[in-house]
Amino acid sequence: QVQLVESGGGLVQPGGSLRLSCAASGRSVIFSDMAWYRQAPGKERELVAGMTSGGNTNYADSVKGRFTVSRDNTKNTVYLQMNSLKPEDTAVYYCNLRYSTFYVYQYWGKGTLVTVSS
């Protein structure tokens, strides 16, 4: 059973930084496509950043140059380093793991709240 546990959220002032972690179990992140999504109040869930099993990354235009996705294979953990945070980055951030064999399998963490406010 695949489980994803996010951590690292909290309250930060505008311009500050946070690092989110997503610890995976039941499936290696090396062999999975990993992604961070977020959902702000009253808005749809949106893709923030992703990393393929091959290590390629992609980012939403709104976070390019500020956020960085990375992984630690030894810890089976994916990170989202968030710098220069803005109030509009306030949201619940979710970790996503996806892989395919004959079927496409997708799993979600429960999310971690990031609040950017002075």
Protein backbone atom coordinates (compact mmCIF):
# COMPACT_ATOMS: atom_id res chain seq x y z
CA GLN A 1 0.00 0.00 0.00
CA VAL A 2 1.44 3.35 -1.06
CA GLN A 3 1.37 6.09 1.53
CA LEU A 4 2.48 9.70 1.22
CA VAL A 5 3.03 11.91 4.26
CA GLU A 6 3.62 15.62 3.80
CA SER A 7 5.23 17.87 6.37
CA GLY A 8 6.84 21.28 6.64
CA GLY A 9 3.88 23.56 6.21
CA GLY A 10 3.18 26.49 8.47
CA LEU A 11 2.86 30.23 8.75
CA VAL A 12 5.51 32.37 7.05
CA GLN A 13 5.81 36.04 6.24
CA PRO A 14 5.84 37.29 2.66
CA GLY A 15 9.31 36.90 1.21
CA GLY A 16 10.10 33.99 3.49
CA SER A 17 10.92 30.38 2.72
CA LEU A 18 9.62 26.93 3.58
CA ARG A 19 10.62 23.43 2.60
CA LEU A 20 7.92 20.83 2.28
CA SER A 21 8.68 17.13 2.51
CA CYS A 22 6.80 14.16 1.16
CA ALA A 23 7.85 10.83 2.63
CA ALA A 24 6.73 7.90 0.51
CA SER A 25 6.31 4.29 1.51
CA GLY A 26 5.21 1.29 -0.48
CA ARG A 27 6.70 2.54 -3.73
CA SER A 28 10.08 3.98 -4.65
CA VAL A 29 10.07 7.61 -5.75
CA ILE A 30 12.84 6.71 -8.20
CA PHE A 31 10.40 4.65 -10.25
CA SER A 32 7.49 7.07 -9.94
CA ASP A 33 6.43 10.45 -11.27
CA MET A 34 6.13 12.77 -8.31
CA ALA A 35 4.33 16.08 -8.10
CA TRP A 36 3.23 18.82 -5.76
CA TYR A 37 -0.24 20.30 -6.13
CA ARG A 38 -1.95 22.99 -4.14
CA GLN A 39 -5.49 24.07 -3.47
CA ALA A 40 -6.37 27.50 -2.20
CA PRO A 41 -9.75 28.23 -0.57
CA GLY A 42 -12.45 28.41 -3.20
CA LYS A 43 -10.14 27.36 -6.00
CA GLU A 44 -9.41 24.18 -7.87
CA ARG A 45 -6.39 22.05 -7.17
CA GLU A 46 -3.50 23.03 -9.40
CA LEU A 47 -0.14 21.55 -10.32
CA VAL A 48 2.76 23.40 -8.73
CA ALA A 49 5.80 21.30 -9.62
CA GLY A 50 6.62 17.84 -10.85
CA MET A 51 9.54 15.48 -11.22
CA THR A 52 9.46 12.47 -13.48
CA SER A 53 11.10 9.16 -12.63
CA GLY A 54 13.88 10.22 -14.99
CA GLY A 55 14.51 13.37 -13.01
CA ASN A 56 12.96 15.90 -15.37
CA THR A 57 11.19 18.75 -13.64
CA ASN A 58 8.41 21.14 -14.55
CA TYR A 59 6.87 24.11 -12.77
CA ALA A 60 3.77 26.24 -12.91
CA ASP A 61 4.53 29.65 -14.38
CA SER A 62 3.49 31.27 -11.10
CA VAL A 63 6.29 29.56 -9.15
CA LYS A 64 9.11 29.36 -11.69
CA GLY A 65 12.33 30.74 -10.27
CA ARG A 66 10.98 30.58 -6.72
CA PHE A 67 10.18 26.91 -6.08
CA THR A 68 12.42 23.90 -6.56
CA VAL A 69 11.41 20.24 -6.48
CA SER A 70 13.98 17.63 -5.55
CA ARG A 71 14.19 14.11 -4.17
CA ASP A 72 16.36 12.09 -1.84
CA ASN A 73 16.42 8.54 -3.09
CA THR A 74 17.97 7.19 0.12
CA LYS A 75 15.10 8.62 2.17
CA ASN A 76 12.47 7.95 -0.48
CA THR A 77 11.37 11.53 0.01
CA VAL A 78 10.50 14.39 -2.32
CA TYR A 79 10.92 18.03 -1.35
CA LEU A 80 9.51 21.35 -2.43
CA GLN A 81 11.74 24.28 -1.56
CA MET A 82 9.69 27.45 -1.64
CA ASN A 83 11.41 30.82 -1.63
CA SER A 84 10.18 34.39 -1.96
CA LEU A 85 6.75 33.30 -0.80
CA LYS A 86 3.77 35.47 -1.61
CA PRO A 87 0.32 35.67 0.00
CA GLU A 88 -1.13 34.06 -3.13
CA ASP A 89 0.95 30.95 -2.39
CA THR A 90 -1.31 30.29 0.59
CA ALA A 91 -2.91 26.89 0.08
CA VAL A 92 -2.97 23.28 1.17
CA TYR A 93 -0.11 21.54 -0.61
CA TYR A 94 -0.51 17.93 -1.65
CA CYS A 95 2.03 15.36 -2.70
CA ASN A 96 1.16 13.11 -5.63
CA LEU A 97 2.74 9.87 -6.79
CA ARG A 98 1.90 8.25 -10.09
CA TYR A 99 3.15 5.23 -11.99
CA SER A 100 1.81 2.96 -14.64
CA THR A 101 2.06 -0.69 -15.45
CA PHE A 102 -0.96 -2.02 -17.22
CA TYR A 103 -2.99 0.54 -15.32
CA VAL A 104 -2.23 4.05 -14.13
CA TYR A 105 -1.89 4.24 -10.37
CA GLN A 106 -2.13 7.55 -8.54
CA TYR A 107 -1.86 8.34 -4.84
CA TRP A 108 -2.28 11.48 -2.75
CA GLY A 109 -1.08 12.63 0.60
CA LYS A 110 -3.41 14.34 3.04
CA GLY A 111 -1.81 17.73 2.51
CA THR A 112 0.00 20.34 4.53
CA LEU A 113 -1.18 23.91 4.99
CA VAL A 114 1.04 26.81 3.96
CA THR A 115 -0.06 30.28 5.04
CA VAL A 116 1.83 33.32 3.81
CA SER A 117 0.82 36.35 5.80
CA SER A 118 2.28 39.25 7.72
